[in-house]
Structures are given as C-alpha cells and as structure tokens.
Amino acid sequence: MIDSQKWSARIRETTPSPIELAMMVLSLVSVVVVLAMTFSNLDRETYRLLLAIDSSICIIFLIRFFVGLVNARDKKYYVKTHWIDFVASIPAIEQLRFARIFQILRVIRLLRASRSLILPLLKQRKQTTLASLLLAMVLILAFSSILILLVESGAPDANITTAEQAIWWALVTISTVGYGDFYPVTTAGHVIGGVVIVSGVSFFGVISGYMASVFVAPDDAERQQAHQEEIKSEIERALERMEQNQQKMEQNQTQMLSEISELKTQLAKAKKE
C-alpha cells in the first residue's frame, strides 16, 4: 500500500499537468512566430499581426507565472525555478522569446520520465478541458487571422488588408456573430472562413458542456466528500449497534449473575433444612 502511494506521488511529480502541456505548445508557437518575424521577409501588416499574436501569448505566459507565484507555498523557490519563464514572457523583446525553448525542453523531459500521459490527463478532466479550450482559442485565432491576411491582402477589392481587420474578422467569425463589415472575397478566404465557423461552433459547444459540468454536475471533491460522509454515517450506525449489543450482553450477564446468586441462596437454605 505504501509502495503504491509512493509510486502515485512519483507519477504526479514527473507528469506535466494539462496547463503545462498547453504552455509548452504555446511556447513552441511563440518561438516559431519569433523566427518568422526575425528571418522572414514579411510585409508591414503581417509583421504587425505576428507581433500582436506574440504579445498576446506573452500576456498569457505572464498571467500563468503570477498565478503560479500566488499559489506557490515557497515563493522564493518558485521564482528561482521559474525566473526564465518570466524573462521569456516580457513583450516587445523578441530575442528573449527564445528562452521559451528551455520550458519546452523541461516539459519534454517530464514527458520522457513519465510512464503514462493519457491516464493523468483523464483523471484531471476539468483542467484538461480548460487547457484545451485555451489552446484551441489561441491557435484558431492566430492561424485564421494569419491565413486570411495572407490570402486576402493581395486580392483585388479585398477589405481585409490590415492586422486589426484580420484579428477582428477572426474574432467575429469564430463567435459566429457575422457582422459583415469584413469578409473574404477569394475562394481560399471562403474556405478558411468555413473552417473557422465550424471550429467556432465546436469550440463554443465544448464551452457550454464545460460550464454545465462545472455548475450542474458535482465535481470529484463533492463526490468524494459525499462518499466520505456516507462511510462515516455507516460507521457511526455500526458503532451504535455494537454499543446496543454490548449493553444487552451486560444486562443479560447481570441478570444471569443475579439468578445464579438467587439459586445459591435457595441451595444454601435447602441444605440447612
């Protein structure tokens, strides 16, 4: 029993959490974006769009860092082991973004050390769902805005020609609102729009299911607490029955002793007679 508990604790320590896996993917995306900004010959609007995506990812990294810092028991140790994450999350300094490679390598090392990855993710369903939603939202918005800008910017009569317009179109399309102020005019743009719409419907469907599971279905802690309360009540009832049986046995024993004493008294009287 002790060995299994130690093994479970070791698995938890060596297995990255779903949020860490999502951060690893975002780190990889951030590094690719910075490489494209540094070594590719991009036009001004595409560069501005990639810079906006990189800055948004950095904000997510900073929020993750400070949330972990607030929740950490030993804040000095947390800063000591995660300072490079903070440095690599500073916006507008693309060169620092290559420090994200260290986080990618750290998570890969954890993946190699862990014997199983799917089982821990299934046990943390809510965190896995939340991490998947965050990752899907960032990736869909980033890739759809980049692709639509590349496809539409050079087309005649195009109305999606700037980074802001591409991001706004991606937000409106993924939410299936469809204001119609910006829209694709090319066939490739229509295909991209269709894929984004389908992705948006699926995305918000998953969000609805997740919110329902959070507010309607009891979570693992509530189920565990209810199970513990049930076991506690059963133990209390069993102890109560044992006490009642013990009291009955004591009463029977007392009655038997009194009867034996009475028989002894009657026997003594009979001998005297």
Protein backbone atom coordinates (compact mmCIF):
# COMPACT_ATOMS: atom_id res chain seq x y z
CA MET A 1 0.00 0.00 0.00
CA ILE A 2 2.81 2.37 0.92
CA ASP A 3 4.73 1.50 -2.25
CA SER A 4 1.67 2.24 -4.40
CA GLN A 5 1.19 5.59 -2.70
CA LYS A 6 4.84 6.48 -3.26
CA TRP A 7 4.53 5.41 -6.90
CA SER A 8 1.39 7.55 -7.36
CA ALA A 9 3.16 10.54 -5.82
CA ARG A 10 6.13 9.98 -8.12
CA ILE A 11 3.85 9.82 -11.15
CA ARG A 12 2.23 13.12 -10.16
CA GLU A 13 5.63 14.75 -9.76
CA THR A 14 7.03 13.51 -13.09
CA THR A 15 3.90 14.01 -15.20
CA PRO A 16 3.28 17.52 -16.56
CA SER A 17 -0.14 19.00 -15.93
CA PRO A 18 -2.51 19.83 -18.80
CA ILE A 19 -1.80 23.54 -18.32
CA GLU A 20 1.94 22.89 -18.60
CA LEU A 21 1.38 20.96 -21.82
CA ALA A 22 -0.70 23.82 -23.20
CA MET A 23 2.01 26.30 -22.23
CA MET A 24 4.57 24.11 -23.99
CA VAL A 25 2.58 24.23 -27.24
CA LEU A 26 2.15 28.00 -26.91
CA SER A 27 5.89 28.31 -26.25
CA LEU A 28 6.57 26.41 -29.46
CA VAL A 29 4.15 28.64 -31.37
CA SER A 30 5.80 31.72 -29.86
CA VAL A 31 9.26 30.55 -30.93
CA VAL A 32 8.01 29.85 -34.48
CA VAL A 33 6.38 33.29 -34.65
CA VAL A 34 9.59 34.99 -33.50
CA LEU A 35 11.62 33.01 -36.04
CA ALA A 36 9.23 34.12 -38.78
CA MET A 37 9.45 37.74 -37.64
CA THR A 38 13.24 37.61 -37.46
CA PHE A 39 14.24 35.71 -40.58
CA SER A 40 11.30 36.07 -42.99
CA ASN A 41 10.77 38.91 -45.41
CA LEU A 42 7.30 39.95 -44.27
CA ASP A 43 5.20 42.91 -45.25
CA ARG A 44 4.35 45.50 -42.64
CA GLU A 45 0.83 44.29 -41.79
CA THR A 46 1.85 40.63 -41.48
CA TYR A 47 4.70 41.64 -39.18
CA ARG A 48 2.32 43.69 -37.04
CA LEU A 49 -0.10 40.75 -36.89
CA LEU A 50 2.63 38.35 -35.77
CA LEU A 51 3.77 40.89 -33.19
CA ALA A 52 0.22 41.15 -31.82
CA ILE A 53 -0.05 37.35 -31.61
CA ASP A 54 3.31 37.14 -29.86
CA SER A 55 2.33 39.85 -27.39
CA SER A 56 -0.97 38.09 -26.63
CA ILE A 57 0.86 34.82 -25.95
CA CYS A 58 3.27 36.72 -23.67
CA ILE A 59 0.34 38.09 -21.68
CA ILE A 60 -0.94 34.53 -21.20
CA PHE A 61 2.53 33.46 -20.02
CA LEU A 62 2.71 36.37 -17.56
CA ILE A 63 -0.73 35.55 -16.15
CA ARG A 64 0.34 31.93 -15.77
CA PHE A 65 3.55 32.98 -14.00
CA PHE A 66 1.86 35.28 -11.49
CA VAL A 67 -0.97 32.81 -10.79
CA GLY A 68 1.63 30.15 -10.06
CA LEU A 69 3.55 32.60 -7.88
CA VAL A 70 0.45 33.46 -5.83
CA ASN A 71 -0.47 29.79 -5.36
CA ALA A 72 3.09 28.65 -4.59
CA ARG A 73 3.85 27.74 -0.98
CA ASP A 74 7.53 28.62 -1.30
CA LYS A 75 7.55 31.76 -3.44
CA LYS A 76 11.34 32.13 -3.39
CA TYR A 77 11.78 28.61 -4.71
CA TYR A 78 9.10 29.23 -7.37
CA VAL A 79 10.86 32.38 -8.59
CA LYS A 80 14.20 30.55 -8.50
CA THR A 81 12.90 27.71 -10.69
CA HIS A 82 10.64 29.78 -12.99
CA TRP A 83 12.50 33.08 -13.43
CA ILE A 84 13.34 32.22 -17.02
CA ASP A 85 9.60 31.90 -17.76
CA PHE A 86 9.12 35.48 -16.57
CA VAL A 87 12.05 36.78 -18.61
CA ALA A 88 10.82 35.00 -21.74
CA SER A 89 7.33 36.45 -21.27
CA ILE A 90 8.32 40.12 -21.47
CA PRO A 91 6.52 41.55 -24.54
CA ALA A 92 8.10 43.52 -27.38
CA ILE A 93 11.57 41.95 -26.90
CA GLU A 94 11.61 39.17 -29.46
CA GLN A 95 15.12 37.98 -28.61
CA LEU A 96 14.01 36.96 -25.11
CA ARG A 97 11.37 34.68 -26.60
CA PHE A 98 13.99 32.08 -27.47
CA ALA A 99 14.25 31.41 -23.72
CA ARG A 100 10.93 29.58 -24.14
CA ILE A 101 12.99 26.72 -25.58
CA PHE A 102 14.10 25.91 -22.03
CA GLN A 103 10.50 25.45 -20.92
CA ILE A 104 9.82 23.25 -23.95
CA LEU A 105 12.83 21.09 -23.10
CA ARG A 106 11.73 20.88 -19.45
CA VAL A 107 8.27 19.62 -20.36
CA ILE A 108 9.72 17.17 -22.90
CA ARG A 109 11.99 15.82 -20.16
CA LEU A 110 8.95 15.32 -17.94
CA LEU A 111 7.14 13.56 -20.78
CA ARG A 112 10.05 11.18 -21.23
CA ALA A 113 10.22 10.50 -17.48
CA SER A 114 6.50 9.78 -17.16
CA ARG A 115 5.36 6.26 -17.97
CA SER A 116 1.82 7.30 -18.87
CA LEU A 117 0.41 10.61 -20.07
CA ILE A 118 -3.16 9.83 -21.09
CA LEU A 119 -4.24 8.41 -17.73
CA PRO A 120 -3.24 11.50 -15.66
CA LEU A 121 -4.93 13.75 -18.22
CA LEU A 122 -8.14 11.71 -17.96
CA LYS A 123 -8.02 11.98 -14.18
CA GLN A 124 -7.78 15.79 -14.49
CA ARG A 125 -10.65 16.20 -16.90
CA LYS A 126 -11.63 19.73 -15.93
CA GLN A 127 -8.09 21.06 -16.11
CA THR A 128 -7.53 19.20 -19.37
CA THR A 129 -10.70 20.69 -20.84
CA LEU A 130 -9.77 24.20 -19.69
CA ALA A 131 -6.24 23.89 -21.10
CA SER A 132 -7.60 22.51 -24.39
CA LEU A 133 -10.08 25.38 -24.71
CA LEU A 134 -7.38 27.98 -24.05
CA LEU A 135 -5.01 26.36 -26.53
CA ALA A 136 -7.70 25.94 -29.19
CA MET A 137 -8.85 29.55 -28.88
CA VAL A 138 -5.33 30.95 -29.25
CA LEU A 139 -4.39 28.66 -32.13
CA ILE A 140 -7.62 29.20 -34.07
CA LEU A 141 -7.45 32.98 -33.72
CA ALA A 142 -3.75 33.10 -34.56
CA PHE A 143 -3.72 30.83 -37.60
CA SER A 144 -7.04 32.06 -39.03
CA SER A 145 -6.02 35.71 -38.81
CA ILE A 146 -2.60 34.99 -40.36
CA LEU A 147 -4.02 32.89 -43.20
CA ILE A 148 -6.86 35.29 -44.02
CA LEU A 149 -4.45 38.24 -44.12
CA LEU A 150 -2.01 36.40 -46.39
CA VAL A 151 -4.79 35.26 -48.72
CA GLU A 152 -6.86 38.45 -48.84
CA SER A 153 -4.27 41.23 -48.65
CA GLY A 154 -3.20 40.86 -52.28
CA ALA A 155 -6.65 40.26 -53.78
CA PRO A 156 -8.49 42.98 -55.70
CA ASP A 157 -11.44 44.58 -53.87
CA ALA A 158 -10.24 42.98 -50.61
CA ASN A 159 -11.43 44.59 -47.38
CA ILE A 160 -9.19 42.60 -45.01
CA THR A 161 -5.85 44.29 -45.51
CA THR A 162 -4.57 45.18 -42.02
CA ALA A 163 -3.65 43.24 -38.90
CA GLU A 164 -6.51 44.75 -36.91
CA GLN A 165 -9.05 43.81 -39.58
CA ALA A 166 -7.75 40.23 -39.73
CA ILE A 167 -7.94 39.82 -35.95
CA TRP A 168 -11.42 41.36 -35.82
CA TRP A 169 -12.62 39.09 -38.64
CA ALA A 170 -11.23 36.03 -36.83
CA LEU A 171 -12.97 37.02 -33.57
CA VAL A 172 -16.30 37.70 -35.28
CA THR A 173 -16.14 34.52 -37.35
CA ILE A 174 -15.16 32.15 -34.56
CA SER A 175 -18.00 33.53 -32.44
CA THR A 176 -20.37 33.04 -35.43
CA VAL A 177 -21.72 36.58 -34.97
CA GLY A 178 -21.07 37.62 -38.57
CA TYR A 179 -21.33 41.43 -38.57
CA GLY A 180 -20.41 41.50 -42.23
CA ASP A 181 -18.16 44.58 -42.00
CA PHE A 182 -15.14 42.48 -43.04
CA TYR A 183 -15.42 39.39 -45.20
CA PRO A 184 -13.25 37.34 -47.56
CA VAL A 185 -13.60 37.81 -51.31
CA THR A 186 -11.38 34.95 -52.54
CA THR A 187 -12.21 31.27 -52.75
CA ALA A 188 -9.38 30.40 -50.38
CA GLY A 189 -10.70 33.01 -47.96
CA HIS A 190 -14.18 31.45 -48.11
CA VAL A 191 -12.70 28.03 -47.34
CA ILE A 192 -10.78 29.46 -44.38
CA GLY A 193 -13.93 31.19 -43.16
CA GLY A 194 -15.93 27.96 -43.36
CA VAL A 195 -13.32 26.08 -41.36
CA VAL A 196 -13.24 28.83 -38.73
CA ILE A 197 -17.04 28.85 -38.45
CA VAL A 198 -17.17 25.07 -37.93
CA SER A 199 -14.34 25.34 -35.41
CA GLY A 200 -16.18 28.14 -33.60
CA VAL A 201 -19.41 26.14 -33.33
CA SER A 202 -17.49 23.17 -31.95
CA PHE A 203 -15.48 25.43 -29.65
CA PHE A 204 -18.48 27.08 -28.02
CA GLY A 205 -20.26 23.72 -27.83
CA VAL A 206 -17.40 22.40 -25.73
CA ILE A 207 -17.51 25.57 -23.59
CA SER A 208 -21.24 25.03 -22.96
CA GLY A 209 -20.62 21.44 -21.91
CA TYR A 210 -17.73 22.51 -19.69
CA MET A 211 -19.79 25.20 -17.96
CA ALA A 212 -22.62 22.72 -17.44
CA SER A 213 -20.22 20.24 -15.85
CA VAL A 214 -18.86 22.98 -13.57
CA PHE A 215 -22.17 24.38 -12.34
CA VAL A 216 -24.51 21.39 -12.62
CA ALA A 217 -22.60 18.14 -12.25
CA PRO A 218 -20.85 17.56 -8.91
CA ASP A 219 -17.09 17.58 -9.12
CA ASP A 220 -14.72 14.97 -7.78
CA ALA A 221 -14.28 16.76 -4.46
CA GLU A 222 -18.02 16.87 -3.83
CA ARG A 223 -18.42 13.21 -4.75
CA GLN A 224 -15.51 12.25 -2.54
CA GLN A 225 -16.92 14.28 0.33
CA ALA A 226 -20.35 12.69 -0.10
CA HIS A 227 -18.74 9.24 -0.17
CA GLN A 228 -16.79 10.01 3.00
CA GLU A 229 -19.94 11.25 4.73
CA GLU A 230 -21.75 8.05 3.75
CA ILE A 231 -18.94 5.89 5.09
CA LYS A 232 -18.85 7.96 8.28
CA SER A 233 -22.59 7.55 8.83
CA GLU A 234 -22.35 3.79 8.23
CA ILE A 235 -19.50 3.50 10.74
CA GLU A 236 -21.49 5.51 13.29
CA ARG A 237 -24.53 3.26 12.82
CA ALA A 238 -22.33 0.17 13.18
CA LEU A 239 -20.79 1.53 16.38
CA GLU A 240 -24.24 2.35 17.72
CA ARG A 241 -25.42 -1.21 17.05
CA MET A 242 -22.29 -2.58 18.74
CA GLU A 243 -22.93 -0.41 21.79
CA GLN A 244 -26.55 -1.58 21.96
CA ASN A 245 -25.47 -5.23 21.70
CA GLN A 246 -22.87 -4.68 24.39
CA GLN A 247 -25.45 -3.13 26.67
CA LYS A 248 -27.80 -6.06 26.08
CA MET A 249 -24.98 -8.50 26.84
CA GLU A 250 -24.18 -6.64 30.03
CA GLN A 251 -27.85 -6.69 31.03
CA ASN A 252 -28.06 -10.40 30.30
CA GLN A 253 -24.87 -11.03 32.23
CA THR A 254 -26.18 -9.07 35.19
CA GLN A 255 -29.45 -10.97 35.07
CA MET A 256 -27.60 -14.29 34.91
CA LEU A 257 -25.44 -13.34 37.87
CA SER A 258 -28.49 -12.39 39.89
CA GLU A 259 -30.20 -15.64 39.01
CA ILE A 260 -27.09 -17.62 39.99
CA SER A 261 -26.90 -15.71 43.25
CA GLU A 262 -30.55 -16.48 43.92
CA LEU A 263 -30.04 -20.14 43.15
CA LYS A 264 -27.09 -20.26 45.51
CA THR A 265 -29.20 -18.70 48.23
CA GLN A 266 -32.01 -21.19 47.69
CA LEU A 267 -29.49 -24.05 47.69
CA ALA A 268 -28.00 -22.88 50.97
CA LYS A 269 -31.45 -22.72 52.53
CA ALA A 270 -32.24 -26.23 51.31
CA LYS A 271 -29.04 -27.61 52.90
CA LYS A 272 -29.90 -26.05 56.24
CA GLU A 273 -33.32 -27.59 56.21
